[in-house]
Amino acid sequence: MNAAEVFFDTHVLLYLVSTDTGKAQIAESVVASGGHVSVQVLNEFVSVARRKARLDWPEIEEFLGVIRELCRVHPLTIESHDLACRLVRDQGLNFYDASVVASALLAGCKALYSEDLQDGQVFRRTLRVQNPFAGRR
């Protein structure tokens, strides 16, 4: 899968700052190839990196800089919001997962790298969830 077709969920990025070296190496490998993220993913990254990983601001800013350099960042729009609402209604996703899926769909991605959603799940016949950590250590 080429980088133009891959969207990253928040947890993939969070493994970049993880003490789980196996998952951190996998995350570094897939993110190094580039891809797409949304502003929501960046916001969630900051929140968890600060609160749970206890990174200081310079570290967070450094990671954000790397992510933004490697990935195309998509804004949250009324179109992505409306699509997320439809995904919640039609597929029973929680709203924040649906928002990530909506952004990936609108970005034209073919793969959503996520540990949170069901590996192999397909949305709108075009976007397949792939867990980059499944079966790897």
N, C-alpha and C. Protein backbone atom coordinates (compact mmCIF):
# COMPACT_ATOMS: atom_id res chain seq x y z
N MET A 1 0.86 -1.18 0.00
CA MET A 1 0.00 0.00 0.00
C MET A 1 0.90 1.24 0.00
N ASN A 2 0.64 2.16 -0.92
CA ASN A 2 1.48 3.35 -0.94
C ASN A 2 0.93 4.40 0.03
N ALA A 3 1.78 5.33 0.41
CA ALA A 3 1.45 6.32 1.43
C ALA A 3 0.23 7.17 1.07
N ALA A 4 0.01 7.38 -0.21
CA ALA A 4 -1.12 8.20 -0.63
C ALA A 4 -2.46 7.54 -0.30
N GLU A 5 -2.43 6.26 0.01
CA GLU A 5 -3.67 5.51 0.24
C GLU A 5 -3.89 5.15 1.71
N VAL A 6 -3.00 5.56 2.62
CA VAL A 6 -3.05 5.13 4.02
C VAL A 6 -3.42 6.28 4.95
N PHE A 7 -4.35 6.00 5.86
CA PHE A 7 -4.76 6.96 6.89
C PHE A 7 -4.41 6.34 8.24
N PHE A 8 -3.85 7.13 9.15
CA PHE A 8 -3.45 6.63 10.46
C PHE A 8 -4.43 7.05 11.55
N ASP A 9 -4.84 6.09 12.35
CA ASP A 9 -5.63 6.35 13.55
C ASP A 9 -4.68 6.80 14.66
N THR A 10 -5.22 7.39 15.68
CA THR A 10 -4.42 7.98 16.76
C THR A 10 -3.49 6.99 17.43
N HIS A 11 -3.97 5.79 17.73
CA HIS A 11 -3.13 4.84 18.47
C HIS A 11 -1.87 4.43 17.71
N VAL A 12 -1.94 4.42 16.39
CA VAL A 12 -0.73 4.11 15.63
C VAL A 12 0.33 5.17 15.92
N LEU A 13 -0.09 6.43 15.93
CA LEU A 13 0.86 7.51 16.22
C LEU A 13 1.34 7.48 17.66
N LEU A 14 0.45 7.10 18.57
CA LEU A 14 0.84 7.06 19.98
C LEU A 14 1.91 6.01 20.25
N TYR A 15 1.93 4.95 19.46
CA TYR A 15 2.99 3.96 19.64
C TYR A 15 4.36 4.51 19.31
N LEU A 16 4.43 5.63 18.60
CA LEU A 16 5.71 6.28 18.35
C LEU A 16 6.37 6.72 19.66
N VAL A 17 5.55 6.99 20.68
CA VAL A 17 6.07 7.45 21.97
C VAL A 17 5.90 6.38 23.05
N SER A 18 5.66 5.16 22.65
CA SER A 18 5.37 4.07 23.57
C SER A 18 6.64 3.42 24.11
N THR A 19 6.50 2.82 25.28
CA THR A 19 7.58 2.01 25.84
C THR A 19 7.54 0.59 25.31
N ASP A 20 6.50 0.24 24.57
CA ASP A 20 6.40 -1.07 23.91
C ASP A 20 7.26 -1.00 22.65
N THR A 21 8.50 -1.45 22.76
CA THR A 21 9.46 -1.28 21.67
C THR A 21 9.04 -2.00 20.38
N GLY A 22 8.39 -3.15 20.51
CA GLY A 22 7.93 -3.86 19.32
C GLY A 22 6.93 -3.05 18.53
N LYS A 23 5.92 -2.54 19.24
CA LYS A 23 4.90 -1.74 18.56
C LYS A 23 5.47 -0.38 18.12
N ALA A 24 6.39 0.16 18.89
CA ALA A 24 7.01 1.44 18.50
C ALA A 24 7.77 1.27 17.19
N GLN A 25 8.47 0.16 17.02
CA GLN A 25 9.21 -0.07 15.78
C GLN A 25 8.27 -0.22 14.59
N ILE A 26 7.16 -0.94 14.80
CA ILE A 26 6.18 -1.10 13.72
C ILE A 26 5.59 0.26 13.36
N ALA A 27 5.21 1.04 14.38
CA ALA A 27 4.64 2.37 14.13
C ALA A 27 5.63 3.25 13.37
N GLU A 28 6.89 3.24 13.77
CA GLU A 28 7.91 4.03 13.07
C GLU A 28 8.01 3.61 11.62
N SER A 29 7.96 2.31 11.38
CA SER A 29 8.09 1.79 10.03
C SER A 29 6.93 2.22 9.14
N VAL A 30 5.70 2.11 9.63
CA VAL A 30 4.55 2.46 8.77
C VAL A 30 4.40 3.97 8.61
N VAL A 31 4.67 4.72 9.66
CA VAL A 31 4.53 6.18 9.57
C VAL A 31 5.66 6.79 8.72
N ALA A 32 6.83 6.18 8.74
CA ALA A 32 7.95 6.70 7.96
C ALA A 32 7.64 6.73 6.47
N SER A 33 6.74 5.87 6.04
CA SER A 33 6.35 5.84 4.62
C SER A 33 5.38 6.95 4.27
N GLY A 34 4.85 7.64 5.28
CA GLY A 34 3.92 8.73 5.06
C GLY A 34 2.49 8.24 4.95
N GLY A 35 1.57 9.19 4.86
CA GLY A 35 0.16 8.87 4.78
C GLY A 35 -0.68 10.09 5.09
N HIS A 36 -1.83 9.84 5.70
CA HIS A 36 -2.79 10.90 6.00
C HIS A 36 -3.23 10.80 7.46
N VAL A 37 -3.54 11.95 8.05
CA VAL A 37 -4.16 12.05 9.37
C VAL A 37 -5.15 13.21 9.33
N SER A 38 -5.99 13.28 10.33
CA SER A 38 -6.89 14.43 10.44
C SER A 38 -6.45 15.28 11.63
N VAL A 39 -6.99 16.48 11.69
CA VAL A 39 -6.74 17.35 12.83
C VAL A 39 -7.21 16.66 14.11
N GLN A 40 -8.32 15.92 14.03
CA GLN A 40 -8.80 15.19 15.20
C GLN A 40 -7.73 14.22 15.71
N VAL A 41 -7.08 13.49 14.81
CA VAL A 41 -6.04 12.54 15.20
C VAL A 41 -4.90 13.29 15.90
N LEU A 42 -4.51 14.43 15.36
CA LEU A 42 -3.46 15.22 16.01
C LEU A 42 -3.91 15.69 17.40
N ASN A 43 -5.16 16.13 17.51
CA ASN A 43 -5.68 16.58 18.81
C ASN A 43 -5.66 15.45 19.83
N GLU A 44 -6.12 14.27 19.42
CA GLU A 44 -6.13 13.12 20.32
C GLU A 44 -4.71 12.73 20.71
N PHE A 45 -3.79 12.80 19.75
CA PHE A 45 -2.38 12.50 20.05
C PHE A 45 -1.85 13.42 21.15
N VAL A 46 -2.09 14.71 21.00
CA VAL A 46 -1.63 15.68 22.00
C VAL A 46 -2.23 15.38 23.36
N SER A 47 -3.52 15.14 23.41
CA SER A 47 -4.20 14.88 24.67
C SER A 47 -3.61 13.66 25.39
N VAL A 48 -3.47 12.57 24.68
CA VAL A 48 -2.98 11.34 25.31
C VAL A 48 -1.48 11.42 25.59
N ALA A 49 -0.72 12.01 24.70
CA ALA A 49 0.73 12.14 24.92
C ALA A 49 1.02 12.98 26.15
N ARG A 50 0.22 13.98 26.38
CA ARG A 50 0.41 14.85 27.54
C ARG A 50 -0.09 14.19 28.83
N ARG A 51 -1.32 13.65 28.76
CA ARG A 51 -1.98 13.14 29.96
C ARG A 51 -1.45 11.77 30.38
N LYS A 52 -1.37 10.84 29.44
CA LYS A 52 -0.99 9.47 29.80
C LYS A 52 0.50 9.19 29.64
N ALA A 53 1.09 9.64 28.53
CA ALA A 53 2.52 9.40 28.31
C ALA A 53 3.37 10.41 29.06
N ARG A 54 2.73 11.48 29.52
CA ARG A 54 3.39 12.52 30.31
C ARG A 54 4.59 13.16 29.59
N LEU A 55 4.44 13.33 28.28
CA LEU A 55 5.47 14.01 27.53
C LEU A 55 5.39 15.51 27.82
N ASP A 56 6.55 16.17 27.77
CA ASP A 56 6.51 17.61 27.95
C ASP A 56 6.24 18.26 26.59
N TRP A 57 5.94 19.55 26.61
CA TRP A 57 5.54 20.24 25.38
C TRP A 57 6.58 20.20 24.28
N PRO A 58 7.86 20.39 24.59
CA PRO A 58 8.84 20.30 23.50
C PRO A 58 8.85 18.92 22.81
N GLU A 59 8.68 17.85 23.59
CA GLU A 59 8.61 16.51 22.98
C GLU A 59 7.37 16.37 22.10
N ILE A 60 6.24 16.83 22.61
CA ILE A 60 5.00 16.75 21.84
C ILE A 60 5.13 17.54 20.54
N GLU A 61 5.66 18.75 20.64
CA GLU A 61 5.82 19.58 19.46
C GLU A 61 6.76 18.94 18.45
N GLU A 62 7.80 18.27 18.94
CA GLU A 62 8.74 17.59 18.04
C GLU A 62 8.03 16.45 17.30
N PHE A 63 7.27 15.63 18.02
CA PHE A 63 6.54 14.55 17.39
C PHE A 63 5.50 15.08 16.40
N LEU A 64 4.79 16.13 16.78
CA LEU A 64 3.81 16.73 15.86
C LEU A 64 4.49 17.22 14.58
N GLY A 65 5.66 17.81 14.74
CA GLY A 65 6.40 18.29 13.57
C GLY A 65 6.76 17.15 12.63
N VAL A 66 7.20 16.04 13.19
CA VAL A 66 7.56 14.87 12.37
C VAL A 66 6.31 14.32 11.68
N ILE A 67 5.24 14.17 12.43
CA ILE A 67 3.99 13.65 11.85
C ILE A 67 3.49 14.56 10.73
N ARG A 68 3.51 15.85 10.98
CA ARG A 68 3.02 16.80 9.97
C ARG A 68 3.93 16.85 8.75
N GLU A 69 5.19 16.53 8.94
CA GLU A 69 6.12 16.50 7.81
C GLU A 69 5.88 15.25 6.95
N LEU A 70 5.54 14.14 7.59
CA LEU A 70 5.37 12.87 6.88
C LEU A 70 3.95 12.64 6.35
N CYS A 71 2.99 13.29 6.99
CA CYS A 71 1.58 13.01 6.67
C CYS A 71 0.85 14.26 6.21
N ARG A 72 -0.07 14.05 5.30
CA ARG A 72 -0.97 15.13 4.90
C ARG A 72 -2.05 15.24 5.97
N VAL A 73 -2.27 16.44 6.46
CA VAL A 73 -3.25 16.67 7.53
C VAL A 73 -4.54 17.22 6.92
N HIS A 74 -5.65 16.56 7.26
CA HIS A 74 -6.96 16.95 6.74
C HIS A 74 -7.77 17.66 7.83
N PRO A 75 -8.42 18.76 7.48
CA PRO A 75 -9.20 19.50 8.46
C PRO A 75 -10.51 18.79 8.79
N LEU A 76 -11.08 19.15 9.89
CA LEU A 76 -12.43 18.71 10.22
C LEU A 76 -13.37 19.69 9.53
N THR A 77 -14.35 19.16 8.83
CA THR A 77 -15.27 20.00 8.07
C THR A 77 -16.70 19.57 8.38
N ILE A 78 -17.64 20.35 7.95
CA ILE A 78 -19.04 19.97 8.12
C ILE A 78 -19.32 18.70 7.32
N GLU A 79 -18.65 18.53 6.19
CA GLU A 79 -18.81 17.32 5.39
C GLU A 79 -18.32 16.09 6.16
N SER A 80 -17.16 16.20 6.81
CA SER A 80 -16.67 15.06 7.59
C SER A 80 -17.55 14.80 8.81
N HIS A 81 -18.05 15.86 9.40
CA HIS A 81 -18.97 15.72 10.54
C HIS A 81 -20.25 15.00 10.12
N ASP A 82 -20.84 15.42 9.01
CA ASP A 82 -22.08 14.81 8.53
C ASP A 82 -21.87 13.34 8.17
N LEU A 83 -20.75 13.03 7.52
CA LEU A 83 -20.47 11.64 7.18
C LEU A 83 -20.25 10.81 8.44
N ALA A 84 -19.57 11.37 9.43
CA ALA A 84 -19.38 10.66 10.70
C ALA A 84 -20.73 10.36 11.36
N CYS A 85 -21.63 11.32 11.33
CA CYS A 85 -22.97 11.09 11.90
C CYS A 85 -23.68 9.94 11.19
N ARG A 86 -23.57 9.90 9.87
CA ARG A 86 -24.19 8.80 9.12
C ARG A 86 -23.55 7.46 9.46
N LEU A 87 -22.23 7.44 9.65
CA LEU A 87 -21.55 6.20 10.02
C LEU A 87 -21.97 5.72 11.40
N VAL A 88 -22.17 6.65 12.32
CA VAL A 88 -22.66 6.29 13.65
C VAL A 88 -24.05 5.68 13.53
N ARG A 89 -24.91 6.36 12.80
CA ARG A 89 -26.29 5.90 12.63
C ARG A 89 -26.36 4.55 11.92
N ASP A 90 -25.62 4.42 10.82
CA ASP A 90 -25.75 3.25 9.97
C ASP A 90 -24.91 2.06 10.40
N GLN A 91 -23.79 2.31 11.07
CA GLN A 91 -22.87 1.22 11.38
C GLN A 91 -22.59 1.06 12.86
N GLY A 92 -23.18 1.91 13.68
CA GLY A 92 -23.04 1.75 15.13
C GLY A 92 -21.67 2.09 15.70
N LEU A 93 -20.87 2.83 14.96
CA LEU A 93 -19.56 3.24 15.48
C LEU A 93 -19.74 4.30 16.55
N ASN A 94 -18.74 4.42 17.43
CA ASN A 94 -18.79 5.58 18.32
C ASN A 94 -18.39 6.80 17.48
N PHE A 95 -18.77 7.98 17.94
CA PHE A 95 -18.62 9.16 17.10
C PHE A 95 -17.17 9.45 16.74
N TYR A 96 -16.25 9.30 17.68
CA TYR A 96 -14.86 9.66 17.39
C TYR A 96 -14.22 8.68 16.41
N ASP A 97 -14.54 7.40 16.52
CA ASP A 97 -14.06 6.45 15.51
C ASP A 97 -14.68 6.78 14.15
N ALA A 98 -15.96 7.09 14.15
CA ALA A 98 -16.66 7.43 12.90
C ALA A 98 -16.05 8.67 12.26
N SER A 99 -15.61 9.61 13.07
CA SER A 99 -15.00 10.82 12.54
C SER A 99 -13.67 10.51 11.84
N VAL A 100 -12.91 9.59 12.41
CA VAL A 100 -11.65 9.17 11.77
C VAL A 100 -11.95 8.44 10.46
N VAL A 101 -12.91 7.54 10.50
CA VAL A 101 -13.30 6.81 9.28
C VAL A 101 -13.77 7.79 8.22
N ALA A 102 -14.60 8.76 8.60
CA ALA A 102 -15.10 9.75 7.65
C ALA A 102 -13.96 10.53 7.01
N SER A 103 -13.00 10.96 7.82
CA SER A 103 -11.86 11.71 7.28
C SER A 103 -11.05 10.85 6.31
N ALA A 104 -10.87 9.57 6.64
CA ALA A 104 -10.12 8.67 5.76
C ALA A 104 -10.87 8.48 4.44
N LEU A 105 -12.18 8.32 4.52
CA LEU A 105 -12.98 8.17 3.30
C LEU A 105 -12.89 9.42 2.42
N LEU A 106 -13.04 10.57 3.04
CA LEU A 106 -13.01 11.83 2.28
C LEU A 106 -11.62 12.11 1.70
N ALA A 107 -10.59 11.57 2.34
CA ALA A 107 -9.22 11.74 1.83
C ALA A 107 -8.94 10.80 0.66
N GLY A 108 -9.87 9.88 0.41
CA GLY A 108 -9.69 8.93 -0.69
C GLY A 108 -8.75 7.79 -0.37
N CYS A 109 -8.54 7.53 0.92
CA CYS A 109 -7.63 6.46 1.32
C CYS A 109 -8.26 5.09 1.10
N LYS A 110 -7.41 4.11 0.90
CA LYS A 110 -7.84 2.72 0.72
C LYS A 110 -7.66 1.92 2.01
N ALA A 111 -6.75 2.37 2.89
CA ALA A 111 -6.47 1.65 4.13
C ALA A 111 -6.51 2.61 5.31
N LEU A 112 -7.09 2.15 6.40
CA LEU A 112 -7.08 2.87 7.68
C LEU A 112 -6.32 1.99 8.65
N TYR A 113 -5.11 2.42 9.02
CA TYR A 113 -4.32 1.67 9.97
C TYR A 113 -4.83 2.00 11.36
N SER A 114 -5.39 0.99 12.02
CA SER A 114 -6.02 1.19 13.31
C SER A 114 -5.93 -0.08 14.13
N GLU A 115 -5.73 0.10 15.41
CA GLU A 115 -5.77 -1.02 16.35
C GLU A 115 -7.13 -1.08 17.03
N ASP A 116 -7.91 -0.02 16.90
CA ASP A 116 -9.19 0.10 17.61
C ASP A 116 -10.36 -0.52 16.86
N LEU A 117 -10.35 -0.44 15.56
CA LEU A 117 -11.45 -0.95 14.75
C LEU A 117 -11.13 -2.39 14.33
N GLN A 118 -12.13 -3.09 13.86
CA GLN A 118 -11.98 -4.49 13.49
C GLN A 118 -11.09 -4.64 12.26
N ASP A 119 -10.03 -5.40 12.40
CA ASP A 119 -9.12 -5.66 11.30
C ASP A 119 -9.88 -6.30 10.15
N GLY A 120 -9.76 -5.75 8.97
CA GLY A 120 -10.43 -6.27 7.79
C GLY A 120 -11.79 -5.66 7.52
N GLN A 121 -12.31 -4.89 8.47
CA GLN A 121 -13.61 -4.24 8.26
C GLN A 121 -13.52 -3.27 7.08
N VAL A 122 -14.57 -3.23 6.27
CA VAL A 122 -14.58 -2.37 5.08
C VAL A 122 -15.71 -1.36 5.21
N PHE A 123 -15.40 -0.11 4.89
CA PHE A 123 -16.38 0.97 4.90
C PHE A 123 -16.57 1.48 3.48
N ARG A 124 -17.83 1.61 3.11
CA ARG A 124 -18.22 2.16 1.80
C ARG A 124 -17.51 1.47 0.63
N ARG A 125 -17.22 0.22 0.79
CA ARG A 125 -16.59 -0.62 -0.25
C ARG A 125 -15.22 -0.13 -0.71
N THR A 126 -14.67 0.89 -0.05
CA THR A 126 -13.39 1.43 -0.51
C THR A 126 -12.30 1.49 0.55
N LEU A 127 -12.67 1.53 1.81
CA LEU A 127 -11.71 1.73 2.89
C LEU A 127 -11.67 0.49 3.77
N ARG A 128 -10.48 -0.14 3.85
CA ARG A 128 -10.31 -1.35 4.66
C ARG A 128 -9.46 -1.03 5.89
N VAL A 129 -9.95 -1.47 7.04
CA VAL A 129 -9.19 -1.33 8.29
C VAL A 129 -8.08 -2.38 8.30
N GLN A 130 -6.89 -1.93 8.63
CA GLN A 130 -5.75 -2.84 8.75
C GLN A 130 -5.05 -2.56 10.08
N ASN A 131 -4.89 -3.60 10.86
CA ASN A 131 -4.16 -3.47 12.12
C ASN A 131 -2.70 -3.80 11.84
N PRO A 132 -1.84 -2.79 11.82
CA PRO A 132 -0.43 -3.05 11.49
C PRO A 132 0.30 -3.86 12.56
N PHE A 133 -0.32 -4.03 13.73
CA PHE A 133 0.30 -4.75 14.83
C PHE A 133 -0.19 -6.19 14.95
N ALA A 134 -1.21 -6.56 14.19
CA ALA A 134 -1.79 -7.90 14.29
C ALA A 134 -0.75 -8.94 13.86
N GLY A 135 -0.54 -9.90 14.71
CA GLY A 135 0.36 -11.00 14.38
C GLY A 135 1.82 -10.64 14.35
N ARG A 136 2.17 -9.45 14.81
CA ARG A 136 3.59 -9.02 14.81
C ARG A 136 4.00 -8.70 16.22
N ARG A 137 5.24 -8.90 16.47
CA ARG A 137 5.84 -8.55 17.75
C ARG A 137 7.29 -8.27 17.59
